[in-house]
Amino acid sequence: MNRKSAKTGTAENRRGQLAAIHVARRDLGMDEDTYRLMLREVAGADSSKDLDAAGRRRVLDHMRRLGGLRKPRKRVAQHPGTPHNIDREAMLQKIEAQLADMRLPWAYAHAIAKQQTGIERVTWLRKQEHLAAVIAALHVEQEKRGLLTQVDELLARAGMSREQLAARYELAGNWSRRRSTLRAIIALIGPLPQATAETGENKNA
């Protein structure tokens, strides 16, 4: 290969790598600020045009690890936004299952990630402890919803509304979001209708 051909091949490789970087950016949904932050952290550049060959390879390898340049997997959850790299990360699959259970979009998990770490999307979390924290937060939400469902079932059995319950026990406005309060309510009103129906005992017996 002569010098001119080698130079042409190098230019073509550069164009191909830059195009792949922009495709991966689109796949990952990176905004401008996040994209430039990633370039600085991974390759010490502010723009893809400033990357040398080694820098382009590092950026592409990093973006592939995040799920860029991959064919979308078949959806498991019936809501949009499933990350492209979910097959490679068991903790992301756990998050997907939790979201599906609560019928929540991935945007809900992204919001938790941003609140806890400042990182915009769950997909971009690198540390296992960050993913574990998102799972824990979703578990808390699952527990709240499960407890509230139990309360609603008990209230329906007792012929009482949430508003009547709140007024009767002078509950704070956000009582339905507090696990300790929901557990106390279940302990308080849970046995009463059943005991009354089955034994005829009053609540003071």
C-alpha atoms as a PDB file:
ATOM      1  CA  MET A   1       0.000   0.000   0.000  1.00  0.00           C
ATOM      2  CA  ASN A   2       1.456   3.360  -0.957  1.00  0.00           C
ATOM      3  CA  ARG A   3       1.501   6.402   1.271  1.00  0.00           C
ATOM      4  CA  LYS A   4      -1.505   8.001  -0.434  1.00  0.00           C
ATOM      5  CA  SER A   5      -3.615   4.842  -0.069  1.00  0.00           C
ATOM      6  CA  ALA A   6      -2.628   4.509   3.588  1.00  0.00           C
ATOM      7  CA  LYS A   7      -3.612   8.103   4.238  1.00  0.00           C
ATOM      8  CA  THR A   8      -6.944   7.578   2.489  1.00  0.00           C
ATOM      9  CA  GLY A   9      -7.601   4.446   4.528  1.00  0.00           C
ATOM     10  CA  THR A  10      -6.813   6.244   7.770  1.00  0.00           C
ATOM     11  CA  ALA A  11      -9.203   9.063   6.857  1.00  0.00           C
ATOM     12  CA  GLU A  12     -11.931   6.572   6.023  1.00  0.00           C
ATOM     13  CA  ASN A  13     -11.394   4.775   9.333  1.00  0.00           C
ATOM     14  CA  ARG A  14     -11.628   8.084  11.162  1.00  0.00           C
ATOM     15  CA  ARG A  15     -14.870   9.007   9.404  1.00  0.00           C
ATOM     16  CA  GLY A  16     -16.317   5.582  10.116  1.00  0.00           C
ATOM     17  CA  GLN A  17     -15.402   5.732  13.791  1.00  0.00           C
ATOM     18  CA  LEU A  18     -16.782   9.249  14.186  1.00  0.00           C
ATOM     19  CA  ALA A  19     -20.012   8.188  12.494  1.00  0.00           C
ATOM     20  CA  ALA A  20     -20.235   5.192  14.847  1.00  0.00           C
ATOM     21  CA  ILE A  21     -19.722   7.466  17.856  1.00  0.00           C
ATOM     22  CA  HIS A  22     -22.627   9.662  16.776  1.00  0.00           C
ATOM     23  CA  VAL A  23     -24.838   6.626  16.139  1.00  0.00           C
ATOM     24  CA  ALA A  24     -23.995   5.316  19.624  1.00  0.00           C
ATOM     25  CA  ARG A  25     -24.772   8.724  21.099  1.00  0.00           C
ATOM     26  CA  ARG A  26     -28.191   8.607  19.449  1.00  0.00           C
ATOM     27  CA  ASP A  27     -28.773   5.039  20.662  1.00  0.00           C
ATOM     28  CA  LEU A  28     -27.996   6.083  24.236  1.00  0.00           C
ATOM     29  CA  GLY A  29     -30.047   9.289  24.062  1.00  0.00           C
ATOM     30  CA  MET A  30     -27.168  11.428  25.324  1.00  0.00           C
ATOM     31  CA  ASP A  31     -27.804  15.162  25.467  1.00  0.00           C
ATOM     32  CA  GLU A  32     -25.022  17.607  24.591  1.00  0.00           C
ATOM     33  CA  ASP A  33     -23.774  18.172  28.138  1.00  0.00           C
ATOM     34  CA  THR A  34     -23.728  14.478  29.017  1.00  0.00           C
ATOM     35  CA  TYR A  35     -22.010  13.610  25.732  1.00  0.00           C
ATOM     36  CA  ARG A  36     -19.226  16.151  26.205  1.00  0.00           C
ATOM     37  CA  LEU A  37     -18.761  15.114  29.828  1.00  0.00           C
ATOM     38  CA  MET A  38     -18.364  11.523  28.674  1.00  0.00           C
ATOM     39  CA  LEU A  39     -15.774  12.540  26.056  1.00  0.00           C
ATOM     40  CA  ARG A  40     -13.733  14.398  28.674  1.00  0.00           C
ATOM     41  CA  GLU A  41     -13.884  11.557  31.197  1.00  0.00           C
ATOM     42  CA  VAL A  42     -13.095   8.780  28.732  1.00  0.00           C
ATOM     43  CA  ALA A  43     -10.676  10.442  26.319  1.00  0.00           C
ATOM     44  CA  GLY A  44      -9.854  13.923  27.612  1.00  0.00           C
ATOM     45  CA  ALA A  45     -11.460  15.675  24.631  1.00  0.00           C
ATOM     46  CA  ASP A  46     -14.256  18.217  24.361  1.00  0.00           C
ATOM     47  CA  SER A  47     -15.339  17.165  20.864  1.00  0.00           C
ATOM     48  CA  SER A  48     -15.190  13.970  18.832  1.00  0.00           C
ATOM     49  CA  LYS A  49     -13.198  15.779  16.124  1.00  0.00           C
ATOM     50  CA  ASP A  50     -10.383  16.240  18.664  1.00  0.00           C
ATOM     51  CA  LEU A  51     -10.066  12.509  19.331  1.00  0.00           C
ATOM     52  CA  ASP A  52      -7.040  10.632  18.083  1.00  0.00           C
ATOM     53  CA  ALA A  53      -7.300   7.002  16.974  1.00  0.00           C
ATOM     54  CA  ALA A  54      -6.786   5.642  20.498  1.00  0.00           C
ATOM     55  CA  GLY A  55      -9.331   8.081  21.902  1.00  0.00           C
ATOM     56  CA  ARG A  56     -11.925   7.087  19.321  1.00  0.00           C
ATOM     57  CA  ARG A  57     -11.428   3.429  20.213  1.00  0.00           C
ATOM     58  CA  ARG A  58     -11.788   4.147  23.940  1.00  0.00           C
ATOM     59  CA  VAL A  59     -14.961   6.156  23.385  1.00  0.00           C
ATOM     60  CA  LEU A  60     -16.496   3.500  21.142  1.00  0.00           C
ATOM     61  CA  ASP A  61     -15.615   0.717  23.590  1.00  0.00           C
ATOM     62  CA  HIS A  62     -17.146   2.723  26.427  1.00  0.00           C
ATOM     63  CA  MET A  63     -20.328   3.500  24.504  1.00  0.00           C
ATOM     64  CA  ARG A  64     -20.705  -0.135  23.494  1.00  0.00           C
ATOM     65  CA  ARG A  65     -20.478  -1.133  27.164  1.00  0.00           C
ATOM     66  CA  LEU A  66     -23.295   1.317  27.865  1.00  0.00           C
ATOM     67  CA  GLY A  67     -25.407  -0.316  25.168  1.00  0.00           C
ATOM     68  CA  GLY A  68     -24.734   1.822  22.104  1.00  0.00           C
ATOM     69  CA  LEU A  69     -24.521   0.278  18.616  1.00  0.00           C
ATOM     70  CA  ARG A  70     -26.593  -2.732  19.640  1.00  0.00           C
ATOM     71  CA  LYS A  71     -29.778  -4.066  18.132  1.00  0.00           C
ATOM     72  CA  PRO A  72     -32.756  -3.467  20.432  1.00  0.00           C
ATOM     73  CA  ARG A  73     -33.745  -6.557  22.408  1.00  0.00           C
ATOM     74  CA  LYS A  74     -37.252  -7.918  22.437  1.00  0.00           C
ATOM     75  CA  ARG A  75     -39.178  -6.038  25.070  1.00  0.00           C
ATOM     76  CA  VAL A  76     -39.934  -7.787  28.347  1.00  0.00           C
ATOM     77  CA  ALA A  77     -41.801  -4.961  30.028  1.00  0.00           C
ATOM     78  CA  GLN A  78     -44.747  -3.392  28.257  1.00  0.00           C
ATOM     79  CA  HIS A  79     -43.556   0.176  28.427  1.00  0.00           C
ATOM     80  CA  PRO A  80     -41.087   2.282  26.450  1.00  0.00           C
ATOM     81  CA  GLY A  81     -37.528   3.184  27.279  1.00  0.00           C
ATOM     82  CA  THR A  82     -35.942  -0.221  27.971  1.00  0.00           C
ATOM     83  CA  PRO A  83     -32.135   0.290  27.896  1.00  0.00           C
ATOM     84  CA  HIS A  84     -30.219  -1.324  25.047  1.00  0.00           C
ATOM     85  CA  ASN A  85     -27.648  -2.835  27.406  1.00  0.00           C
ATOM     86  CA  ILE A  86     -30.160  -4.584  29.652  1.00  0.00           C
ATOM     87  CA  ASP A  87     -29.107  -8.078  28.536  1.00  0.00           C
ATOM     88  CA  ARG A  88     -25.596  -7.479  29.877  1.00  0.00           C
ATOM     89  CA  GLU A  89     -26.612  -6.268  33.324  1.00  0.00           C
ATOM     90  CA  ALA A  90     -28.642  -8.470  35.691  1.00  0.00           C
ATOM     91  CA  MET A  91     -29.402  -5.504  37.952  1.00  0.00           C
ATOM     92  CA  LEU A  92     -31.012  -3.641  35.051  1.00  0.00           C
ATOM     93  CA  GLN A  93     -33.197  -6.684  34.441  1.00  0.00           C
ATOM     94  CA  LYS A  94     -34.219  -6.562  38.106  1.00  0.00           C
ATOM     95  CA  ILE A  95     -35.117  -2.883  37.709  1.00  0.00           C
ATOM     96  CA  GLU A  96     -37.149  -3.709  34.606  1.00  0.00           C
ATOM     97  CA  ALA A  97     -39.084  -6.371  36.527  1.00  0.00           C
ATOM     98  CA  GLN A  98     -39.826  -3.921  39.337  1.00  0.00           C
ATOM     99  CA  LEU A  99     -41.045  -1.271  36.895  1.00  0.00           C
ATOM    100  CA  ALA A 100     -43.195  -3.813  35.073  1.00  0.00           C
ATOM    101  CA  ASP A 101     -44.718  -4.932  38.376  1.00  0.00           C
ATOM    102  CA  MET A 102     -45.764  -1.351  39.128  1.00  0.00           C
ATOM    103  CA  ARG A 103     -46.532  -0.497  35.488  1.00  0.00           C
ATOM    104  CA  LEU A 104     -44.076   2.375  35.572  1.00  0.00           C
ATOM    105  CA  PRO A 105     -41.932   3.668  32.674  1.00  0.00           C
ATOM    106  CA  TRP A 106     -38.149   3.709  32.678  1.00  0.00           C
ATOM    107  CA  ALA A 107     -38.380   7.467  33.140  1.00  0.00           C
ATOM    108  CA  TYR A 108     -39.340   6.756  36.766  1.00  0.00           C
ATOM    109  CA  ALA A 109     -36.077   4.852  37.362  1.00  0.00           C
ATOM    110  CA  HIS A 110     -34.103   7.526  35.516  1.00  0.00           C
ATOM    111  CA  ALA A 111     -35.550  10.141  37.876  1.00  0.00           C
ATOM    112  CA  ILE A 112     -34.429   8.089  40.884  1.00  0.00           C
ATOM    113  CA  ALA A 113     -30.930   7.727  39.423  1.00  0.00           C
ATOM    114  CA  LYS A 114     -30.665  11.459  38.834  1.00  0.00           C
ATOM    115  CA  GLN A 115     -31.914  12.277  42.331  1.00  0.00           C
ATOM    116  CA  GLN A 116     -29.497   9.858  43.994  1.00  0.00           C
ATOM    117  CA  THR A 117     -26.380  10.259  41.852  1.00  0.00           C
ATOM    118  CA  GLY A 118     -26.840  13.266  39.582  1.00  0.00           C
ATOM    119  CA  ILE A 119     -26.550  10.935  36.559  1.00  0.00           C
ATOM    120  CA  GLU A 120     -29.364  11.419  34.068  1.00  0.00           C
ATOM    121  CA  ARG A 121     -30.163   7.796  33.173  1.00  0.00           C
ATOM    122  CA  VAL A 122     -29.988   4.401  34.849  1.00  0.00           C
ATOM    123  CA  THR A 123     -28.244   3.155  31.699  1.00  0.00           C
ATOM    124  CA  TRP A 124     -25.217   5.298  32.464  1.00  0.00           C
ATOM    125  CA  LEU A 125     -24.694   4.132  36.033  1.00  0.00           C
ATOM    126  CA  ARG A 126     -21.309   2.387  36.247  1.00  0.00           C
ATOM    127  CA  LYS A 127     -21.138   1.468  39.913  1.00  0.00           C
ATOM    128  CA  GLN A 128     -22.998  -1.552  41.224  1.00  0.00           C
ATOM    129  CA  GLU A 129     -23.858   0.299  44.429  1.00  0.00           C
ATOM    130  CA  HIS A 130     -25.667   2.964  42.386  1.00  0.00           C
ATOM    131  CA  LEU A 131     -27.772   0.333  40.625  1.00  0.00           C
ATOM    132  CA  ALA A 132     -28.405  -1.354  43.976  1.00  0.00           C
ATOM    133  CA  ALA A 133     -29.630   1.970  45.378  1.00  0.00           C
ATOM    134  CA  VAL A 134     -32.124   2.326  42.517  1.00  0.00           C
ATOM    135  CA  ILE A 135     -33.352  -1.224  43.147  1.00  0.00           C
ATOM    136  CA  ALA A 136     -33.733  -0.457  46.849  1.00  0.00           C
ATOM    137  CA  ALA A 137     -35.714   2.711  46.127  1.00  0.00           C
ATOM    138  CA  LEU A 138     -38.014   0.822  43.760  1.00  0.00           C
ATOM    139  CA  HIS A 139     -38.448  -1.890  46.399  1.00  0.00           C
ATOM    140  CA  VAL A 140     -39.584   0.758  48.875  1.00  0.00           C
ATOM    141  CA  GLU A 141     -42.095   2.015  46.317  1.00  0.00           C
ATOM    142  CA  GLN A 142     -43.332  -1.518  45.710  1.00  0.00           C
ATOM    143  CA  GLU A 143     -43.771  -2.019  49.442  1.00  0.00           C
ATOM    144  CA  LYS A 144     -45.690   1.246  49.809  1.00  0.00           C
ATOM    145  CA  ARG A 145     -48.040   0.307  47.009  1.00  0.00           C
ATOM    146  CA  GLY A 146     -48.544  -3.181  48.393  1.00  0.00           C
ATOM    147  CA  LEU A 147     -49.346  -1.848  51.861  1.00  0.00           C
ATOM    148  CA  LEU A 148     -51.736   0.752  50.460  1.00  0.00           C
ATOM    149  CA  THR A 149     -53.520  -1.965  48.472  1.00  0.00           C
ATOM    150  CA  GLN A 150     -53.985  -3.926  51.701  1.00  0.00           C
ATOM    151  CA  VAL A 151     -55.364  -0.816  53.412  1.00  0.00           C
ATOM    152  CA  ASP A 152     -57.805  -0.207  50.564  1.00  0.00           C
ATOM    153  CA  GLU A 153     -59.003  -3.819  50.742  1.00  0.00           C
ATOM    154  CA  LEU A 154     -59.554  -3.536  54.495  1.00  0.00           C
ATOM    155  CA  LEU A 155     -61.339  -0.234  54.064  1.00  0.00           C
ATOM    156  CA  ALA A 156     -63.616  -1.721  51.407  1.00  0.00           C
ATOM    157  CA  ARG A 157     -64.431  -4.616  53.735  1.00  0.00           C
ATOM    158  CA  ALA A 158     -65.170  -2.187  56.551  1.00  0.00           C
ATOM    159  CA  GLY A 159     -67.219   0.129  54.307  1.00  0.00           C
ATOM    160  CA  MET A 160     -64.909   3.073  54.945  1.00  0.00           C
ATOM    161  CA  SER A 161     -63.200   5.501  52.555  1.00  0.00           C
ATOM    162  CA  ARG A 162     -59.649   6.825  52.797  1.00  0.00           C
ATOM    163  CA  GLU A 163     -61.032  10.239  53.694  1.00  0.00           C
ATOM    164  CA  GLN A 164     -63.093   8.794  56.546  1.00  0.00           C
ATOM    165  CA  LEU A 165     -60.081   6.873  57.800  1.00  0.00           C
ATOM    166  CA  ALA A 166     -57.897   9.981  57.729  1.00  0.00           C
ATOM    167  CA  ALA A 167     -60.512  12.014  59.568  1.00  0.00           C
ATOM    168  CA  ARG A 168     -61.174   9.332  62.175  1.00  0.00           C
ATOM    169  CA  TYR A 169     -57.525   8.886  63.102  1.00  0.00           C
ATOM    170  CA  GLU A 170     -56.370  12.441  62.291  1.00  0.00           C
ATOM    171  CA  LEU A 171     -53.823  11.198  59.781  1.00  0.00           C
ATOM    172  CA  ALA A 172     -51.337  13.563  58.135  1.00  0.00           C
ATOM    173  CA  GLY A 173     -51.899  14.517  54.524  1.00  0.00           C
ATOM    174  CA  ASN A 174     -49.191  12.201  53.200  1.00  0.00           C
ATOM    175  CA  TRP A 175     -50.158   9.206  55.317  1.00  0.00           C
ATOM    176  CA  SER A 176     -50.660   6.983  52.246  1.00  0.00           C
ATOM    177  CA  ARG A 177     -46.951   7.346  51.377  1.00  0.00           C
ATOM    178  CA  ARG A 178     -45.587   6.371  54.811  1.00  0.00           C
ATOM    179  CA  ARG A 179     -44.839   2.700  55.319  1.00  0.00           C
ATOM    180  CA  SER A 180     -44.870   2.939  59.105  1.00  0.00           C
ATOM    181  CA  THR A 181     -48.300   4.579  59.042  1.00  0.00           C
ATOM    182  CA  LEU A 182     -49.676   2.039  56.566  1.00  0.00           C
ATOM    183  CA  ARG A 183     -48.439  -0.857  58.710  1.00  0.00           C
ATOM    184  CA  ALA A 184     -49.988   0.709  61.807  1.00  0.00           C
ATOM    185  CA  ILE A 185     -53.309   1.127  60.011  1.00  0.00           C
ATOM    186  CA  ILE A 186     -53.274  -2.503  58.862  1.00  0.00           C
ATOM    187  CA  ALA A 187     -52.501  -3.668  62.403  1.00  0.00           C
ATOM    188  CA  LEU A 188     -55.236  -1.428  63.776  1.00  0.00           C
ATOM    189  CA  ILE A 189     -58.125  -2.092  61.414  1.00  0.00           C
ATOM    190  CA  GLY A 190     -57.071  -5.380  59.828  1.00  0.00           C
ATOM    191  CA  PRO A 191     -58.403  -7.885  62.371  1.00  0.00           C
ATOM    192  CA  LEU A 192     -61.466  -5.916  63.417  1.00  0.00           C
ATOM    193  CA  PRO A 193     -64.030  -6.591  60.665  1.00  0.00           C
ATOM    194  CA  GLN A 194     -63.038 -10.271  60.457  1.00  0.00           C
ATOM    195  CA  ALA A 195     -63.191 -10.782  64.238  1.00  0.00           C
ATOM    196  CA  THR A 196     -66.542  -9.042  64.428  1.00  0.00           C
ATOM    197  CA  ALA A 197     -67.981 -11.080  61.576  1.00  0.00           C
ATOM    198  CA  GLU A 198     -66.699 -14.426  62.811  1.00  0.00           C
ATOM    199  CA  THR A 199     -67.004 -14.175  66.593  1.00  0.00           C
ATOM    200  CA  GLY A 200     -69.328 -11.283  67.255  1.00  0.00           C
ATOM    201  CA  GLU A 201     -66.728  -9.776  69.583  1.00  0.00           C
ATOM    202  CA  ASN A 202     -66.502  -6.018  69.789  1.00  0.00           C
ATOM    203  CA  LYS A 203     -63.178  -4.255  69.392  1.00  0.00           C
ATOM    204  CA  ASN A 204     -62.801  -3.710  73.155  1.00  0.00           C
ATOM    205  CA  ALA A 205     -63.288  -7.350  74.049  1.00  0.00           C
END
